[in-house]
Amino acid sequence: MQQAIPYEPSPFPVRGRGGGGAGSLNRRRSLLLNPSFAAAGGGGEQQRLRGEEELEELAGVREGTRRAVAESAVVVFGKRGCCMSHVVKRLLHGHGANPAAREFGDEEEAAVVGELERIAGGGGGGVQLPAVFIGGRLFGGLDRVMTAHITGELVPALKDAGALWL
């Protein structure tokens, strides 16, 4: 008979990116939805400064997202470690395209998705992850890329965007 190994917490501290945890993630989401949250947070000067730093970081994420869409013929946006993003990239590589891949974590997801929706020109719910932009325009998610591959629409779209040379 097998025995379960008892759980023992790690003696090493576990820290997320940016020194935050769930509280930091919730704070970032609040900042994204309401930038005045940092000033009205009620934590004094130190909390206000930390809020301004987080706002600058979110602005950098948004600018990086805009720049990636504008400068690359094909861009795949997906969550870090997502298997569906990997499938999309492999499919595009199989056709001879070399897509730029922008992966992000949970703390940046709201900012990236919001910016992708603004770029795509849609309201809420228009961007499905992984999101593929071809020629600076939203092409779609995994289902749209697979459908275009099966129907033969993907290669002409990649050629029109300058991602394929053939």
Protein backbone atom coordinates (compact mmCIF):
# COMPACT_ATOMS: atom_id res chain seq x y z
CA MET A 1 0.00 0.00 0.00
CA GLN A 2 1.23 3.50 -0.79
CA GLN A 3 1.45 6.26 1.76
CA ALA A 4 0.94 9.94 1.17
CA ILE A 5 3.92 12.18 1.74
CA PRO A 6 3.08 14.81 4.35
CA TYR A 7 3.03 18.39 3.10
CA GLU A 8 5.73 20.68 4.42
CA PRO A 9 5.89 24.33 3.38
CA SER A 10 9.05 25.47 1.66
CA PRO A 11 11.63 27.10 3.91
CA PHE A 12 12.39 29.54 1.11
CA PRO A 13 10.20 32.60 0.55
CA VAL A 14 8.16 32.48 -2.62
CA ARG A 15 7.75 35.82 -4.35
CA GLY A 16 5.93 36.72 -7.52
CA ARG A 17 7.17 39.07 -10.18
CA GLY A 18 7.38 42.61 -8.90
CA GLY A 19 7.30 41.48 -5.27
CA GLY A 20 3.56 41.18 -5.29
CA GLY A 21 1.08 38.50 -4.55
CA ALA A 22 -2.65 38.30 -4.85
CA GLY A 23 -2.95 41.73 -3.21
CA SER A 24 -0.62 43.25 -5.76
CA LEU A 25 -2.55 41.63 -8.61
CA ASN A 26 -5.85 42.99 -7.31
CA ARG A 27 -4.27 46.42 -6.86
CA ARG A 28 -2.99 46.39 -10.46
CA ARG A 29 -6.43 45.48 -11.75
CA SER A 30 -7.95 48.29 -9.68
CA LEU A 31 -5.40 50.72 -11.10
CA LEU A 32 -6.22 49.60 -14.62
CA LEU A 33 -9.93 50.10 -14.15
CA ASN A 34 -9.65 53.33 -12.13
CA PRO A 35 -6.36 55.27 -12.28
CA SER A 36 -7.54 57.62 -9.53
CA PHE A 37 -7.49 54.58 -7.22
CA ALA A 38 -3.78 55.22 -6.52
CA ALA A 39 -4.39 58.74 -5.23
CA ALA A 40 -7.54 57.89 -3.29
CA GLY A 41 -6.17 54.61 -1.89
CA GLY A 42 -5.67 56.01 1.56
CA GLY A 43 -2.22 54.61 2.21
CA GLY A 44 -0.24 57.78 2.47
CA GLU A 45 2.67 58.98 0.39
CA GLN A 46 4.37 55.60 0.06
CA GLN A 47 1.26 53.92 -1.30
CA ARG A 48 0.69 56.81 -3.72
CA LEU A 49 4.25 56.48 -5.04
CA ARG A 50 3.85 52.72 -5.44
CA GLY A 51 0.58 53.35 -7.30
CA GLU A 52 2.31 55.78 -9.65
CA GLU A 53 5.05 53.21 -10.34
CA GLU A 54 2.43 50.58 -11.15
CA LEU A 55 0.62 53.02 -13.44
CA GLU A 56 3.89 53.68 -15.29
CA GLU A 57 4.47 49.94 -15.60
CA LEU A 58 0.96 49.43 -17.01
CA ALA A 59 1.52 52.29 -19.45
CA GLY A 60 4.73 50.57 -20.56
CA VAL A 61 2.84 47.32 -21.12
CA ARG A 62 0.24 49.15 -23.22
CA GLU A 63 2.90 50.94 -25.28
CA GLY A 64 4.80 47.68 -25.85
CA THR A 65 1.59 46.05 -27.03
CA ARG A 66 0.86 48.86 -29.50
CA ARG A 67 4.43 48.81 -30.79
CA ALA A 68 4.41 45.02 -31.30
CA VAL A 69 1.23 45.18 -33.38
CA ALA A 70 2.48 48.11 -35.47
CA GLU A 71 6.00 46.80 -36.15
CA SER A 72 5.43 43.09 -36.83
CA ALA A 73 3.66 41.43 -39.73
CA VAL A 74 2.37 38.64 -37.47
CA VAL A 75 2.08 38.80 -33.68
CA VAL A 76 0.73 36.17 -31.30
CA PHE A 77 -0.38 37.41 -27.87
CA GLY A 78 -0.91 34.79 -25.21
CA LYS A 79 -0.52 33.99 -21.57
CA ARG A 80 2.87 32.75 -20.43
CA GLY A 81 3.06 28.97 -20.84
CA CYS A 82 -0.26 28.63 -22.71
CA CYS A 83 -0.38 25.50 -24.84
CA MET A 84 -2.81 27.07 -27.33
CA SER A 85 -0.35 29.89 -28.01
CA HIS A 86 2.25 27.25 -28.73
CA VAL A 87 -0.11 25.54 -31.21
CA VAL A 88 -0.77 28.82 -33.06
CA LYS A 89 2.95 29.62 -33.26
CA ARG A 90 3.76 26.11 -34.54
CA LEU A 91 1.05 26.35 -37.19
CA LEU A 92 2.35 29.73 -38.39
CA HIS A 93 5.95 28.43 -38.38
CA GLY A 94 4.76 25.46 -40.43
CA HIS A 95 3.58 27.84 -43.14
CA GLY A 96 6.92 29.65 -43.15
CA ALA A 97 5.89 32.73 -41.16
CA ASN A 98 7.96 33.86 -38.21
CA PRO A 99 5.47 35.40 -35.78
CA ALA A 100 6.54 37.67 -32.97
CA ALA A 101 5.32 36.20 -29.70
CA ARG A 102 4.28 38.40 -26.79
CA GLU A 103 3.64 36.43 -23.64
CA PHE A 104 2.40 37.98 -20.43
CA GLY A 105 1.50 36.93 -16.91
CA ASP A 106 -1.63 37.32 -14.84
CA GLU A 107 -0.57 40.72 -13.54
CA GLU A 108 -0.40 42.17 -17.07
CA GLU A 109 -3.39 40.37 -18.60
CA ALA A 110 -6.00 43.07 -18.04
CA ALA A 111 -3.78 45.80 -19.46
CA VAL A 112 -2.81 43.78 -22.55
CA VAL A 113 -6.34 42.60 -23.32
CA GLY A 114 -7.72 46.12 -22.87
CA GLU A 115 -5.10 47.54 -25.23
CA LEU A 116 -5.72 44.77 -27.79
CA GLU A 117 -9.43 45.58 -27.74
CA ARG A 118 -8.64 49.27 -28.34
CA ILE A 119 -6.33 48.39 -31.23
CA ALA A 120 -8.91 46.03 -32.73
CA GLY A 121 -11.51 48.79 -32.49
CA GLY A 122 -14.04 46.64 -30.69
CA GLY A 123 -15.76 47.04 -27.41
CA GLY A 124 -15.58 44.47 -24.66
CA GLY A 125 -15.15 40.78 -25.38
CA GLY A 126 -13.72 41.14 -28.89
CA VAL A 127 -10.29 39.66 -28.16
CA GLN A 128 -9.89 35.97 -27.52
CA LEU A 129 -6.57 34.63 -26.24
CA PRO A 130 -4.33 33.65 -27.87
CA ALA A 131 -4.88 36.66 -30.11
CA VAL A 132 -3.26 36.77 -33.55
CA PHE A 133 -2.68 40.05 -35.35
CA ILE A 134 -1.77 39.83 -39.03
CA GLY A 135 -0.79 43.01 -40.83
CA GLY A 136 -1.68 45.20 -37.86
CA ARG A 137 -5.27 43.95 -37.72
CA LEU A 138 -6.88 41.43 -35.40
CA PHE A 139 -7.12 38.15 -37.27
CA GLY A 140 -8.65 36.17 -34.42
CA GLY A 141 -7.96 33.48 -31.89
CA LEU A 142 -6.97 29.85 -32.25
CA ASP A 143 -10.32 28.84 -33.74
CA ARG A 144 -10.13 31.52 -36.45
CA VAL A 145 -6.53 30.62 -37.35
CA MET A 146 -7.40 26.91 -37.57
CA THR A 147 -10.47 27.66 -39.71
CA ALA A 148 -8.42 29.85 -42.04
CA HIS A 149 -5.77 27.13 -42.28
CA ILE A 150 -8.34 24.47 -43.20
CA THR A 151 -10.16 26.65 -45.74
CA GLY A 152 -6.94 27.90 -47.32
CA GLU A 153 -7.37 31.55 -46.31
CA LEU A 154 -4.37 31.69 -43.97
CA VAL A 155 -1.58 31.66 -46.58
CA PRO A 156 -3.05 34.53 -48.65
CA ALA A 157 -3.56 36.58 -45.48
CA LEU A 158 0.07 35.99 -44.49
CA LYS A 159 1.24 36.91 -47.99
CA ASP A 160 -0.78 40.13 -47.98
CA ALA A 161 0.78 41.12 -44.67
CA GLY A 162 4.30 40.46 -45.95
CA ALA A 163 4.94 37.55 -43.59
CA LEU A 164 5.57 35.12 -46.47
CA TRP A 165 7.85 35.65 -49.41
CA LEU A 166 6.50 32.98 -51.73
